Amino acid sequence: MSTLSVPLTPTVEQMIEHLVQNGIAESKAALVRKAIIKFAEDQAVNEVLEAEQEARDGKILTGDLDVLAAAI
């Protein structure tokens, strides 16, 4: 496992301390790992929702996948 050093504002550092003290995570590092995983999951959900909206808006590709890939 590697280590990453990130400068934090006092406000963010206080938020992290508060969340750890309230049992959200067992340590600062664990909290940051959880936050990054949550962010990645949220991004994936947003991409699916955007794709669904594009499909509803008629902005979907149709046809042969090989032909479409060759056109890109």
C-alpha atoms as a PDB file:
ATOM      1  CA  MET A   1       0.000   0.000   0.000  1.00  0.00           C
ATOM      2  CA  SER A   2       1.353   3.422  -0.873  1.00  0.00           C
ATOM      3  CA  THR A   3       1.055   6.661   1.060  1.00  0.00           C
ATOM      4  CA  LEU A   4      -0.183   9.947  -0.348  1.00  0.00           C
ATOM      5  CA  SER A   5       0.471  13.264   1.329  1.00  0.00           C
ATOM      6  CA  VAL A   6      -2.275  15.825   0.734  1.00  0.00           C
ATOM      7  CA  PRO A   7      -2.373  19.354   2.143  1.00  0.00           C
ATOM      8  CA  LEU A   8      -5.651  20.009   3.996  1.00  0.00           C
ATOM      9  CA  THR A   9      -7.295  23.226   4.999  1.00  0.00           C
ATOM     10  CA  PRO A  10      -7.980  23.563   8.715  1.00  0.00           C
ATOM     11  CA  THR A  11     -11.701  23.240   8.001  1.00  0.00           C
ATOM     12  CA  VAL A  12     -11.291  19.940   6.138  1.00  0.00           C
ATOM     13  CA  GLU A  13      -8.970  18.632   8.846  1.00  0.00           C
ATOM     14  CA  GLN A  14     -11.571  19.490  11.493  1.00  0.00           C
ATOM     15  CA  MET A  15     -14.271  17.740   9.469  1.00  0.00           C
ATOM     16  CA  ILE A  16     -12.121  14.624   9.238  1.00  0.00           C
ATOM     17  CA  GLU A  17     -11.392  14.672  12.974  1.00  0.00           C
ATOM     18  CA  HIS A  18     -15.104  15.117  13.721  1.00  0.00           C
ATOM     19  CA  LEU A  19     -16.123  12.196  11.482  1.00  0.00           C
ATOM     20  CA  VAL A  20     -13.496   9.897  13.000  1.00  0.00           C
ATOM     21  CA  GLN A  21     -14.520  10.904  16.524  1.00  0.00           C
ATOM     22  CA  ASN A  22     -18.145  10.111  15.638  1.00  0.00           C
ATOM     23  CA  GLY A  23     -17.185   6.610  14.534  1.00  0.00           C
ATOM     24  CA  ILE A  24     -17.681   7.011  10.802  1.00  0.00           C
ATOM     25  CA  ALA A  25     -14.255   5.415  10.331  1.00  0.00           C
ATOM     26  CA  GLU A  26     -11.625   4.022  12.656  1.00  0.00           C
ATOM     27  CA  SER A  27      -8.889   6.388  11.448  1.00  0.00           C
ATOM     28  CA  LYS A  28      -8.244   9.386   9.211  1.00  0.00           C
ATOM     29  CA  ALA A  29      -6.743   7.124   6.557  1.00  0.00           C
ATOM     30  CA  ALA A  30      -9.741   4.784   6.646  1.00  0.00           C
ATOM     31  CA  LEU A  31     -12.084   7.754   6.329  1.00  0.00           C
ATOM     32  CA  VAL A  32     -10.257   9.097   3.292  1.00  0.00           C
ATOM     33  CA  ARG A  33     -10.266   5.647   1.676  1.00  0.00           C
ATOM     34  CA  LYS A  34     -14.028   5.377   2.315  1.00  0.00           C
ATOM     35  CA  ALA A  35     -14.575   8.845   0.852  1.00  0.00           C
ATOM     36  CA  ILE A  36     -12.665   8.010  -2.317  1.00  0.00           C
ATOM     37  CA  ILE A  37     -14.556   4.746  -2.782  1.00  0.00           C
ATOM     38  CA  LYS A  38     -17.882   6.544  -2.202  1.00  0.00           C
ATOM     39  CA  PHE A  39     -16.912   9.236  -4.707  1.00  0.00           C
ATOM     40  CA  ALA A  40     -16.050   6.605  -7.343  1.00  0.00           C
ATOM     41  CA  GLU A  41     -19.355   4.799  -6.713  1.00  0.00           C
ATOM     42  CA  ASP A  42     -21.279   8.074  -6.997  1.00  0.00           C
ATOM     43  CA  GLN A  43     -19.517   8.839 -10.285  1.00  0.00           C
ATOM     44  CA  ALA A  44     -20.471   5.419 -11.671  1.00  0.00           C
ATOM     45  CA  VAL A  45     -24.103   5.911 -10.653  1.00  0.00           C
ATOM     46  CA  ASN A  46     -24.133   9.367 -12.264  1.00  0.00           C
ATOM     47  CA  GLU A  47     -22.739   7.936 -15.501  1.00  0.00           C
ATOM     48  CA  VAL A  48     -25.496   5.324 -15.600  1.00  0.00           C
ATOM     49  CA  LEU A  49     -28.148   7.965 -14.894  1.00  0.00           C
ATOM     50  CA  GLU A  50     -26.742  10.203 -17.632  1.00  0.00           C
ATOM     51  CA  ALA A  51     -26.720   7.287 -20.082  1.00  0.00           C
ATOM     52  CA  GLU A  52     -30.330   6.488 -19.200  1.00  0.00           C
ATOM     53  CA  GLN A  53     -31.278  10.129 -19.765  1.00  0.00           C
ATOM     54  CA  GLU A  54     -29.491  10.158 -23.113  1.00  0.00           C
ATOM     55  CA  ALA A  55     -31.421   7.034 -24.103  1.00  0.00           C
ATOM     56  CA  ARG A  56     -34.702   8.711 -23.122  1.00  0.00           C
ATOM     57  CA  ASP A  57     -33.645  11.768 -25.160  1.00  0.00           C
ATOM     58  CA  GLY A  58     -32.989   9.573 -28.190  1.00  0.00           C
ATOM     59  CA  LYS A  59     -29.232  10.128 -28.102  1.00  0.00           C
ATOM     60  CA  ILE A  60     -28.316   6.468 -28.391  1.00  0.00           C
ATOM     61  CA  LEU A  61     -26.278   4.705 -31.004  1.00  0.00           C
ATOM     62  CA  THR A  62     -27.919   1.960 -32.987  1.00  0.00           C
ATOM     63  CA  GLY A  63     -26.537  -0.419 -35.536  1.00  0.00           C
ATOM     64  CA  ASP A  64     -23.691  -2.855 -35.924  1.00  0.00           C
ATOM     65  CA  LEU A  65     -21.073  -2.384 -33.180  1.00  0.00           C
ATOM     66  CA  ASP A  66     -18.158  -3.117 -35.550  1.00  0.00           C
ATOM     67  CA  VAL A  67     -19.408  -0.496 -38.020  1.00  0.00           C
ATOM     68  CA  LEU A  68     -19.923   2.053 -35.249  1.00  0.00           C
ATOM     69  CA  ALA A  69     -16.447   1.365 -33.811  1.00  0.00           C
ATOM     70  CA  ALA A  70     -14.848   1.760 -37.241  1.00  0.00           C
ATOM     71  CA  ALA A  71     -16.558   5.137 -37.638  1.00  0.00           C
ATOM     72  CA  ILE A  72     -14.984   6.497 -34.452  1.00  0.00           C
END
